[in-house]
Amino acid sequence: MSETSGPKLRTITRIDARDVRPAKSFGLKPECVWIDIVLLRVDETYQRPIDKQGRAQIALIAETFDWRKFAPVIVADIGGGLYAIVDGQHRAHAAALCNIRSVPCYVIAAAPEEQADCFAAINGQVIAIRTQNLWKARRAAGHPEAAALDRIATAEGVSLVWHNLSTLAMEPAQTCALNAIVRAVRRYNEKIAGLALFALRSTRTRAKRSFLTAQWIEATVAVLAEHPEWHDRALISARLGKIDLAEREADIRAARAENPALSGRALAEAAIFIALEGVDEVTA
C-alpha cells in the first residue's frame, strides 16, 4: 500500500504534557472473558435507571447490533458466580433483547464503593464526539448520507468543514452545520437542501465570514419547502442578492435582546420569507 493512497495512520506517542504527573500505581490488571448475561447484575445504588431515553438507546443498539461495534461490558466480580455491571448496562440489555446468551466482559477487581467510583470516573472522562467528527467517520465508511452531503456541497460550491469551527473563523463558502443539511435531506430531499445553500450563498454581506449556520439553513429550508413557486434559481439569486445577512443577524439579536421569548430561527425564517416574497418590488 502506497503512502499516498492508503489510510492516514498516526502512531501513539507521548504527548507534550509537562505538568502531568502519571499515576504511580495502576491497580490490578483486569481480564477479558465471556460471561453469561444471566450472571450480570445492576447495582441501583449508583447505576442509572432504564428511562425512556435509555430504552430508546437499547432499542437502537439491538436494531443495529454488530459485534464489531460492541465494546466489552465492564464488570466486577461480586462472588457467588455473579458480576456487577460497572459500565455497559445498555449494551448488555440490547444483547439480551437480541437473545444473545453471553457478552465479552472486562472484569475488574473492585469493592462496591470502588465500583461506584469507577462508574463515575469512566462516565466522567468520556470525551464527547462532535457532530463533525461523526460525519467524518461516516464519510470514510461510505455512509450514504455522508455521500449526499458531499454531492450537495460540491454542486453548490460549499466546502464542508469536518471538524468544529466557529462561524466567525470560516470563509463565506464554508459550513460545519452538517446535521442541518442532513435533516433537510431526510425531511424533504437533496434538491431543497441544495437550494437552501444556493439561496444563502446568493446573499450579499460585508462580513467576510460564513452565514451557512444551522439557524439560517433550517430557516431557508422551511421557507423553500413551503413555497415551490420560489424554486427558480434566477429568482432566488435576484431577490436574496438584495439582503445582507450580517444586517439581518444584527436585527435578530436586537429583537431578541428586547424580547428574549422570540425565536431566532423564526426571525431568520421571516427574513428569508420577506426577501423571497419580493415585497420591495411591489409598487403602489
Protein backbone atom coordinates (compact mmCIF):
# COMPACT_ATOMS: atom_id res chain seq x y z
CA MET A 1 0.00 0.00 0.00
CA SER A 2 1.50 3.35 -1.01
CA GLU A 3 1.79 6.19 1.46
CA THR A 4 -0.30 8.47 -0.73
CA SER A 5 -3.25 6.15 -1.39
CA GLY A 6 -3.57 4.36 1.95
CA PRO A 7 -5.21 5.48 5.20
CA LYS A 8 -3.57 8.22 7.24
CA LEU A 9 -2.16 6.25 10.17
CA ARG A 10 -0.84 8.05 13.23
CA THR A 11 1.30 6.40 15.87
CA ILE A 12 0.66 6.69 19.61
CA THR A 13 3.35 8.89 21.13
CA ARG A 14 3.93 10.63 24.42
CA ILE A 15 2.11 13.97 24.19
CA ASP A 16 3.68 17.16 25.47
CA ALA A 17 2.10 17.34 28.93
CA ARG A 18 4.84 18.65 31.20
CA ASP A 19 2.52 19.40 34.12
CA VAL A 20 1.03 15.90 34.18
CA ARG A 21 2.20 13.53 36.90
CA PRO A 22 1.18 9.99 35.82
CA ALA A 23 -0.16 7.63 38.48
CA LYS A 24 2.46 5.51 40.24
CA SER A 25 0.19 2.53 40.95
CA PHE A 26 -2.08 1.14 38.26
CA GLY A 27 -4.07 -1.37 40.35
CA LEU A 28 -4.73 -4.99 39.46
CA LYS A 29 -4.85 -5.85 35.79
CA PRO A 30 -8.34 -6.84 34.63
CA GLU A 31 -9.10 -9.83 32.42
CA CYS A 32 -11.35 -10.16 29.40
CA VAL A 33 -13.80 -13.08 29.46
CA TRP A 34 -17.19 -14.01 28.04
CA ILE A 35 -19.90 -14.08 30.72
CA ASP A 36 -23.50 -15.28 30.53
CA ILE A 37 -25.91 -12.35 30.70
CA VAL A 38 -27.98 -14.14 33.38
CA LEU A 39 -25.00 -13.75 35.73
CA LEU A 40 -24.84 -9.96 35.35
CA ARG A 41 -26.38 -7.63 37.92
CA VAL A 42 -27.06 -3.86 38.07
CA ASP A 43 -26.37 -2.08 41.37
CA GLU A 44 -29.14 0.52 41.59
CA THR A 45 -27.39 2.40 44.37
CA TYR A 46 -25.32 4.18 41.73
CA GLN A 47 -26.42 2.91 38.31
CA ARG A 48 -28.90 4.84 36.20
CA PRO A 49 -32.45 3.51 35.86
CA ILE A 50 -33.64 2.49 32.39
CA ASP A 51 -35.76 5.50 31.48
CA LYS A 52 -37.38 6.46 28.17
CA GLN A 53 -34.08 7.66 26.71
CA GLY A 54 -32.34 4.51 27.95
CA ARG A 55 -34.95 2.26 26.34
CA ALA A 56 -34.52 4.13 23.06
CA GLN A 57 -30.75 3.64 23.26
CA ILE A 58 -31.17 -0.08 23.98
CA ALA A 59 -33.56 -0.44 21.04
CA LEU A 60 -31.13 1.33 18.71
CA ILE A 61 -28.23 -0.91 19.77
CA ALA A 62 -30.38 -4.00 19.31
CA GLU A 63 -31.65 -2.93 15.89
CA THR A 64 -28.13 -2.27 14.61
CA PHE A 65 -26.31 -4.94 16.64
CA ASP A 66 -22.88 -5.79 15.31
CA TRP A 67 -20.13 -7.44 17.37
CA ARG A 68 -17.56 -5.16 15.70
CA LYS A 69 -19.28 -2.19 17.34
CA PHE A 70 -19.83 -3.81 20.74
CA ALA A 71 -17.44 -2.59 23.44
CA PRO A 72 -16.84 -5.07 26.29
CA VAL A 73 -19.05 -4.58 29.34
CA ILE A 74 -17.03 -3.56 32.41
CA VAL A 75 -17.98 -5.70 35.43
CA ALA A 76 -16.77 -6.52 38.92
CA ASP A 77 -16.81 -9.98 40.49
CA ILE A 78 -19.24 -9.85 43.47
CA GLY A 79 -18.96 -13.51 44.38
CA GLY A 80 -21.36 -16.39 44.01
CA GLY A 81 -20.63 -16.54 40.31
CA LEU A 82 -22.26 -13.11 39.80
CA TYR A 83 -20.88 -9.88 38.35
CA ALA A 84 -21.97 -6.27 38.90
CA ILE A 85 -22.02 -4.10 35.78
CA VAL A 86 -19.86 -1.01 36.23
CA ASP A 87 -20.30 0.27 32.66
CA GLY A 88 -22.34 -1.08 29.75
CA GLN A 89 -25.76 -2.00 31.11
CA HIS A 90 -27.43 -0.64 27.97
CA ARG A 91 -25.23 -2.82 25.77
CA ALA A 92 -25.99 -5.84 27.96
CA HIS A 93 -29.75 -5.15 27.80
CA ALA A 94 -29.53 -4.81 24.00
CA ALA A 95 -27.67 -8.12 23.72
CA ALA A 96 -30.37 -9.79 25.83
CA LEU A 97 -33.01 -8.28 23.54
CA CYS A 98 -31.21 -9.97 20.64
CA ASN A 99 -31.39 -13.31 22.50
CA ILE A 100 -27.62 -13.38 22.86
CA ARG A 101 -26.53 -15.60 25.72
CA SER A 102 -23.14 -14.17 26.69
CA VAL A 103 -21.16 -10.98 26.16
CA PRO A 104 -17.47 -10.06 26.35
CA CYS A 105 -16.66 -8.54 29.73
CA TYR A 106 -13.73 -6.63 31.16
CA VAL A 107 -13.56 -7.96 34.74
CA ILE A 108 -12.06 -5.58 37.28
CA ALA A 109 -11.32 -6.10 40.98
CA ALA A 110 -13.42 -3.52 42.85
CA ALA A 111 -15.41 -3.44 46.09
CA PRO A 112 -18.97 -1.95 45.90
CA GLU A 113 -17.83 1.57 46.82
CA GLU A 114 -14.96 1.29 44.35
CA GLN A 115 -17.38 0.17 41.64
CA ALA A 116 -19.33 3.41 42.05
CA ASP A 117 -16.10 5.39 41.89
CA CYS A 118 -15.09 3.53 38.70
CA PHE A 119 -18.52 4.21 37.19
CA ALA A 120 -18.14 7.95 37.90
CA ALA A 121 -14.60 8.01 36.53
CA ILE A 122 -15.41 6.10 33.34
CA ASN A 123 -18.50 8.16 32.52
CA GLY A 124 -17.00 11.43 33.70
CA GLN A 125 -13.94 11.13 31.48
CA VAL A 126 -15.82 10.45 28.26
CA ILE A 127 -14.82 12.93 25.55
CA ALA A 128 -17.91 13.92 23.62
CA ILE A 129 -17.71 13.19 19.91
CA ARG A 130 -18.64 16.26 17.92
CA THR A 131 -21.12 16.02 15.10
CA GLN A 132 -18.47 16.84 12.51
CA ASN A 133 -16.22 14.03 13.77
CA LEU A 134 -19.08 11.54 13.45
CA TRP A 135 -19.85 12.61 9.88
CA LYS A 136 -16.17 12.45 9.01
CA ALA A 137 -16.14 8.82 10.17
CA ARG A 138 -19.35 8.06 8.29
CA ARG A 139 -17.86 9.62 5.18
CA ALA A 140 -14.82 7.35 5.46
CA ALA A 141 -17.17 4.39 5.92
CA GLY A 142 -19.09 5.25 2.74
CA HIS A 143 -22.31 6.15 4.58
CA PRO A 144 -25.00 7.18 2.02
CA GLU A 145 -25.98 10.32 3.94
CA ALA A 146 -22.34 11.41 4.11
CA ALA A 147 -22.13 10.85 0.36
CA ALA A 148 -25.24 13.04 -0.05
CA LEU A 149 -23.53 15.79 1.97
CA ASP A 150 -20.58 15.66 -0.44
CA ARG A 151 -22.84 15.75 -3.52
CA ILE A 152 -24.87 18.73 -2.32
CA ALA A 153 -21.83 20.71 -1.19
CA THR A 154 -19.94 20.08 -4.41
CA ALA A 155 -22.93 21.10 -6.53
CA GLU A 156 -23.40 24.35 -4.59
CA GLY A 157 -19.73 25.30 -4.26
CA VAL A 158 -19.78 24.84 -0.49
CA SER A 159 -16.83 23.50 1.47
CA LEU A 160 -17.81 21.14 4.30
CA VAL A 161 -15.77 21.53 7.47
CA TRP A 162 -15.33 18.09 9.09
CA HIS A 163 -14.35 19.47 12.49
CA ASN A 164 -15.85 22.00 14.86
CA LEU A 165 -15.05 25.58 13.89
CA SER A 166 -16.57 28.92 14.81
CA THR A 167 -18.56 30.52 12.01
CA LEU A 168 -16.55 33.68 12.65
CA ALA A 169 -13.43 31.78 11.63
CA MET A 170 -14.95 30.23 8.50
CA GLU A 171 -14.83 31.57 4.98
CA PRO A 172 -18.20 32.53 3.40
CA ALA A 173 -18.44 29.26 1.44
CA GLN A 174 -17.66 27.00 4.41
CA THR A 175 -20.08 25.27 6.78
CA CYS A 176 -19.90 22.80 9.63
CA ALA A 177 -23.71 22.70 10.03
CA LEU A 178 -23.73 19.16 8.63
CA ASN A 179 -26.69 17.97 10.71
CA ALA A 180 -28.86 20.80 9.40
CA ILE A 181 -28.17 19.73 5.81
CA VAL A 182 -28.82 16.05 6.59
CA ARG A 183 -32.10 16.94 8.35
CA ALA A 184 -33.19 18.85 5.23
CA VAL A 185 -32.49 15.82 3.05
CA ARG A 186 -34.27 13.45 5.45
CA ARG A 187 -37.36 15.63 5.76
CA TYR A 188 -37.51 16.82 2.16
CA ASN A 189 -34.85 15.94 -0.42
CA GLU A 190 -31.42 16.86 -1.76
CA LYS A 191 -32.92 19.49 -4.08
CA ILE A 192 -34.37 21.50 -1.18
CA ALA A 193 -31.12 21.22 0.78
CA GLY A 194 -29.12 22.36 -2.23
CA LEU A 195 -31.46 25.27 -2.96
CA ALA A 196 -31.14 26.45 0.64
CA LEU A 197 -27.36 26.54 0.37
CA PHE A 198 -27.60 28.29 -3.00
CA ALA A 199 -30.02 30.83 -1.53
CA LEU A 200 -27.74 31.69 1.37
CA ARG A 201 -24.72 31.86 -0.94
CA SER A 202 -26.68 34.34 -3.08
CA THR A 203 -26.99 36.90 -0.28
CA ARG A 204 -24.55 39.74 -0.04
CA THR A 205 -22.66 40.63 3.10
CA ARG A 206 -19.84 42.94 4.08
CA ALA A 207 -18.74 40.49 6.75
CA LYS A 208 -16.14 38.05 5.42
CA ARG A 209 -17.48 35.09 7.37
CA SER A 210 -19.86 32.21 6.88
CA PHE A 211 -23.58 32.51 7.38
CA LEU A 212 -24.15 28.88 6.47
CA THR A 213 -25.22 28.16 10.04
CA ALA A 214 -27.83 25.69 11.24
CA GLN A 215 -30.25 28.53 12.01
CA TRP A 216 -30.05 30.11 8.56
CA ILE A 217 -30.02 26.78 6.71
CA GLU A 218 -33.05 25.46 8.58
CA ALA A 219 -34.93 28.73 8.17
CA THR A 220 -34.27 28.82 4.43
CA VAL A 221 -35.18 25.15 4.00
CA ALA A 222 -38.50 25.73 5.80
CA VAL A 223 -39.43 28.66 3.55
CA LEU A 224 -38.43 26.95 0.30
CA ALA A 225 -40.22 23.72 1.24
CA GLU A 226 -43.45 25.67 1.76
CA HIS A 227 -43.10 27.69 -1.45
CA PRO A 228 -42.16 25.65 -4.53
CA GLU A 229 -43.03 28.70 -6.66
CA TRP A 230 -39.76 30.22 -5.44
CA HIS A 231 -37.58 27.32 -6.59
CA ASP A 232 -36.31 29.23 -9.62
CA ARG A 233 -32.62 29.90 -9.11
CA ALA A 234 -32.65 33.14 -11.06
CA LEU A 235 -35.45 34.46 -8.83
CA ILE A 236 -33.64 33.31 -5.67
CA SER A 237 -30.41 34.96 -6.77
CA ALA A 238 -32.10 38.22 -7.71
CA ARG A 239 -34.14 38.58 -4.54
CA LEU A 240 -31.73 37.27 -1.93
CA GLY A 241 -28.90 39.19 -3.56
CA LYS A 242 -30.53 42.30 -2.15
CA ILE A 243 -30.23 41.34 1.52
CA ASP A 244 -27.24 41.47 3.83
CA LEU A 245 -27.27 38.60 6.32
CA ALA A 246 -24.97 40.48 8.69
CA GLU A 247 -27.61 43.21 8.93
CA ARG A 248 -30.39 40.64 9.37
CA GLU A 249 -28.45 38.91 12.15
CA ALA A 250 -27.97 42.24 13.89
CA ASP A 251 -31.72 42.86 13.63
CA ILE A 252 -32.43 39.41 15.10
CA ARG A 253 -30.05 39.97 18.03
CA ALA A 254 -31.64 43.35 18.74
CA ALA A 255 -35.17 41.90 18.61
CA ARG A 256 -34.25 39.05 20.96
CA ALA A 257 -32.49 41.42 23.35
CA GLU A 258 -35.73 43.37 23.58
CA ASN A 259 -37.86 40.22 23.84
CA PRO A 260 -35.91 37.04 24.80
CA ALA A 261 -39.01 34.93 24.17
CA LEU A 262 -38.63 35.47 20.42
CA SER A 263 -37.19 32.57 18.42
CA GLY A 264 -34.04 33.33 16.45
CA ARG A 265 -34.95 30.60 13.97
CA ALA A 266 -38.45 32.08 13.45
CA LEU A 267 -37.00 35.55 12.92
CA ALA A 268 -34.49 34.18 10.41
CA GLU A 269 -37.31 32.37 8.62
CA ALA A 270 -39.30 35.60 8.45
CA ALA A 271 -36.31 37.44 6.99
CA ILE A 272 -35.88 34.84 4.24
CA PHE A 273 -39.63 34.78 3.53
CA ILE A 274 -39.83 38.56 3.18
CA ALA A 275 -36.82 38.60 0.87
CA LEU A 276 -38.11 35.81 -1.37
CA GLU A 277 -41.60 37.29 -1.47
CA GLY A 278 -40.04 40.36 -3.08
CA VAL A 279 -42.27 42.81 -1.25
CA ASP A 280 -39.81 45.62 -2.00
CA GLU A 281 -40.63 45.18 -5.70
CA VAL A 282 -44.32 45.93 -5.21
CA THR A 283 -45.27 49.44 -6.20
CA ALA A 284 -48.29 51.37 -5.03
